[in-house]
């Protein structure tokens, strides 16, 4: 758990441990697989999955708001080849003002 929090805090130094824990719980078993624990910031299918899954279901975002937030996170993490799903989701919640929905 502390590894996820440490990675998130590279981008958001005051990151909420409660919110990170909520994301880890939401992702569940997907985090055990190396491929599904990462987000490809350049794969349209992957970004659509983020938009239609986490952003819509957990954060309650419209497709437009989710796409705008995803673009901001992808820009912020530009140059990082292995984008942690937990970090990406946290930054998406932060970018869209949805952190409160994570607890």
C-alpha atoms as a PDB file:
ATOM      1  CA  UNK A   1       0.000   0.000   0.000  1.00  0.00           C
ATOM      2  CA  UNK A   2       2.765   2.430   0.863  1.00  0.00           C
ATOM      3  CA  UNK A   3       4.261   1.959  -2.628  1.00  0.00           C
ATOM      4  CA  UNK A   4       1.041   3.258  -4.193  1.00  0.00           C
ATOM      5  CA  UNK A   5       0.917   6.220  -1.845  1.00  0.00           C
ATOM      6  CA  UNK A   6       4.589   7.026  -2.451  1.00  0.00           C
ATOM      7  CA  UNK A   7       4.061   6.989  -6.227  1.00  0.00           C
ATOM      8  CA  UNK A   8       0.980   9.228  -6.000  1.00  0.00           C
ATOM      9  CA  UNK A   9       2.894  11.660  -3.785  1.00  0.00           C
ATOM     10  CA  UNK A  10       5.482  12.174  -6.547  1.00  0.00           C
ATOM     11  CA  UNK A  11       2.749  14.165  -8.313  1.00  0.00           C
ATOM     12  CA  UNK A  12       0.518  15.198  -5.404  1.00  0.00           C
ATOM     13  CA  UNK A  13       2.669  15.638  -2.273  1.00  0.00           C
ATOM     14  CA  UNK A  14      -0.363  16.056   0.004  1.00  0.00           C
ATOM     15  CA  UNK A  15      -2.183  12.999  -1.394  1.00  0.00           C
ATOM     16  CA  UNK A  16      -4.835  11.502   0.848  1.00  0.00           C
ATOM     17  CA  UNK A  17      -4.026   8.025   2.083  1.00  0.00           C
ATOM     18  CA  UNK A  18      -7.766   7.366   2.440  1.00  0.00           C
ATOM     19  CA  UNK A  19      -8.367   8.222  -1.219  1.00  0.00           C
ATOM     20  CA  UNK A  20      -5.438   6.077  -2.375  1.00  0.00           C
ATOM     21  CA  UNK A  21      -6.767   3.165  -0.305  1.00  0.00           C
ATOM     22  CA  UNK A  22     -10.208   3.614  -1.891  1.00  0.00           C
ATOM     23  CA  UNK A  23      -8.676   3.425  -5.376  1.00  0.00           C
ATOM     24  CA  UNK A  24      -6.671   0.316  -4.483  1.00  0.00           C
ATOM     25  CA  UNK A  25      -9.849  -1.304  -3.159  1.00  0.00           C
ATOM     26  CA  UNK A  26     -11.767  -0.276  -6.305  1.00  0.00           C
ATOM     27  CA  UNK A  27      -9.094  -1.757  -8.593  1.00  0.00           C
ATOM     28  CA  UNK A  28      -8.845  -4.935  -6.532  1.00  0.00           C
ATOM     29  CA  UNK A  29      -7.377  -7.944  -8.257  1.00  0.00           C
ATOM     30  CA  UNK A  30      -6.476  -5.945 -11.384  1.00  0.00           C
ATOM     31  CA  UNK A  31      -3.472  -4.560  -9.520  1.00  0.00           C
ATOM     32  CA  UNK A  32      -1.950  -8.030  -9.226  1.00  0.00           C
ATOM     33  CA  UNK A  33      -1.347  -8.255 -12.969  1.00  0.00           C
ATOM     34  CA  UNK A  34       1.517  -6.127 -14.261  1.00  0.00           C
ATOM     35  CA  UNK A  35      -0.319  -5.155 -17.452  1.00  0.00           C
ATOM     36  CA  UNK A  36      -3.642  -4.231 -15.853  1.00  0.00           C
ATOM     37  CA  UNK A  37      -1.938  -2.322 -13.034  1.00  0.00           C
ATOM     38  CA  UNK A  38      -0.691   0.222 -15.583  1.00  0.00           C
ATOM     39  CA  UNK A  39      -2.431   2.771 -17.811  1.00  0.00           C
ATOM     40  CA  UNK A  40      -1.298   3.451 -21.351  1.00  0.00           C
ATOM     41  CA  UNK A  41      -1.668   7.166 -21.889  1.00  0.00           C
ATOM     42  CA  UNK A  42      -1.466   6.780 -25.668  1.00  0.00           C
ATOM     43  CA  UNK A  43      -3.910   3.898 -26.226  1.00  0.00           C
ATOM     44  CA  UNK A  44      -7.384   5.223 -27.102  1.00  0.00           C
ATOM     45  CA  UNK A  45      -9.020   1.933 -26.000  1.00  0.00           C
ATOM     46  CA  UNK A  46      -7.325   2.109 -22.618  1.00  0.00           C
ATOM     47  CA  UNK A  47      -8.312   5.727 -22.084  1.00  0.00           C
ATOM     48  CA  UNK A  48     -11.906   4.906 -23.064  1.00  0.00           C
ATOM     49  CA  UNK A  49     -11.861   2.159 -20.436  1.00  0.00           C
ATOM     50  CA  UNK A  50     -10.698   4.664 -17.815  1.00  0.00           C
ATOM     51  CA  UNK A  51     -13.403   7.121 -18.917  1.00  0.00           C
ATOM     52  CA  UNK A  52     -16.237   4.589 -19.054  1.00  0.00           C
ATOM     53  CA  UNK A  53     -15.146   2.673 -15.965  1.00  0.00           C
ATOM     54  CA  UNK A  54     -13.537   4.544 -13.105  1.00  0.00           C
ATOM     55  CA  UNK A  55     -14.407   8.070 -14.223  1.00  0.00           C
ATOM     56  CA  UNK A  56     -18.076   7.339 -14.923  1.00  0.00           C
ATOM     57  CA  UNK A  57     -18.838   4.671 -12.329  1.00  0.00           C
ATOM     58  CA  UNK A  58     -16.753   5.734  -9.340  1.00  0.00           C
ATOM     59  CA  UNK A  59     -16.424   9.481  -9.888  1.00  0.00           C
ATOM     60  CA  UNK A  60     -19.747  10.057 -11.655  1.00  0.00           C
ATOM     61  CA  UNK A  61     -18.153  12.155 -14.404  1.00  0.00           C
ATOM     62  CA  UNK A  62     -19.668  12.873 -17.795  1.00  0.00           C
ATOM     63  CA  UNK A  63     -17.669  11.636 -20.787  1.00  0.00           C
ATOM     64  CA  UNK A  64     -16.602  15.205 -21.581  1.00  0.00           C
ATOM     65  CA  UNK A  65     -15.411  15.960 -18.048  1.00  0.00           C
ATOM     66  CA  UNK A  66     -13.627  12.616 -17.885  1.00  0.00           C
ATOM     67  CA  UNK A  67     -11.882  13.156 -21.234  1.00  0.00           C
ATOM     68  CA  UNK A  68     -10.711  16.625 -20.156  1.00  0.00           C
ATOM     69  CA  UNK A  69      -9.390  15.249 -16.856  1.00  0.00           C
ATOM     70  CA  UNK A  70      -7.704  12.298 -18.553  1.00  0.00           C
ATOM     71  CA  UNK A  71      -5.961  14.678 -20.966  1.00  0.00           C
ATOM     72  CA  UNK A  72      -4.648  16.763 -18.028  1.00  0.00           C
ATOM     73  CA  UNK A  73      -3.372  13.660 -16.228  1.00  0.00           C
ATOM     74  CA  UNK A  74      -1.765  12.257 -19.388  1.00  0.00           C
ATOM     75  CA  UNK A  75       0.037  15.585 -19.858  1.00  0.00           C
ATOM     76  CA  UNK A  76       1.138  15.653 -16.212  1.00  0.00           C
ATOM     77  CA  UNK A  77       2.522  12.106 -16.457  1.00  0.00           C
ATOM     78  CA  UNK A  78       4.018  12.628 -19.918  1.00  0.00           C
ATOM     79  CA  UNK A  79       7.364  10.910 -20.167  1.00  0.00           C
ATOM     80  CA  UNK A  80       6.456   8.212 -17.629  1.00  0.00           C
ATOM     81  CA  UNK A  81       6.418   4.938 -19.527  1.00  0.00           C
ATOM     82  CA  UNK A  82       4.849   2.854 -16.772  1.00  0.00           C
ATOM     83  CA  UNK A  83       1.923   4.887 -15.446  1.00  0.00           C
ATOM     84  CA  UNK A  84       0.540   3.328 -12.279  1.00  0.00           C
ATOM     85  CA  UNK A  85      -3.233   2.859 -12.518  1.00  0.00           C
ATOM     86  CA  UNK A  86      -3.634   3.969  -8.891  1.00  0.00           C
ATOM     87  CA  UNK A  87      -1.650   7.151  -9.503  1.00  0.00           C
ATOM     88  CA  UNK A  88      -3.471   7.874 -12.761  1.00  0.00           C
ATOM     89  CA  UNK A  89      -6.867   7.437 -11.090  1.00  0.00           C
ATOM     90  CA  UNK A  90      -5.889   9.609  -8.120  1.00  0.00           C
ATOM     91  CA  UNK A  91      -4.671  12.398 -10.376  1.00  0.00           C
ATOM     92  CA  UNK A  92      -7.856  12.109 -12.439  1.00  0.00           C
ATOM     93  CA  UNK A  93      -9.988  12.506  -9.325  1.00  0.00           C
ATOM     94  CA  UNK A  94      -7.852  15.463  -8.250  1.00  0.00           C
ATOM     95  CA  UNK A  95      -7.965  17.111 -11.700  1.00  0.00           C
ATOM     96  CA  UNK A  96     -11.754  16.866 -11.836  1.00  0.00           C
ATOM     97  CA  UNK A  97     -12.413  17.963  -8.259  1.00  0.00           C
ATOM     98  CA  UNK A  98     -13.760  14.512  -7.402  1.00  0.00           C
ATOM     99  CA  UNK A  99     -11.441  13.467  -4.566  1.00  0.00           C
ATOM    100  CA  UNK A 100     -14.260  13.742  -2.002  1.00  0.00           C
ATOM    101  CA  UNK A 101     -16.036  10.882  -3.777  1.00  0.00           C
ATOM    102  CA  UNK A 102     -13.195   8.578  -2.744  1.00  0.00           C
ATOM    103  CA  UNK A 103     -13.767   8.964   0.966  1.00  0.00           C
END
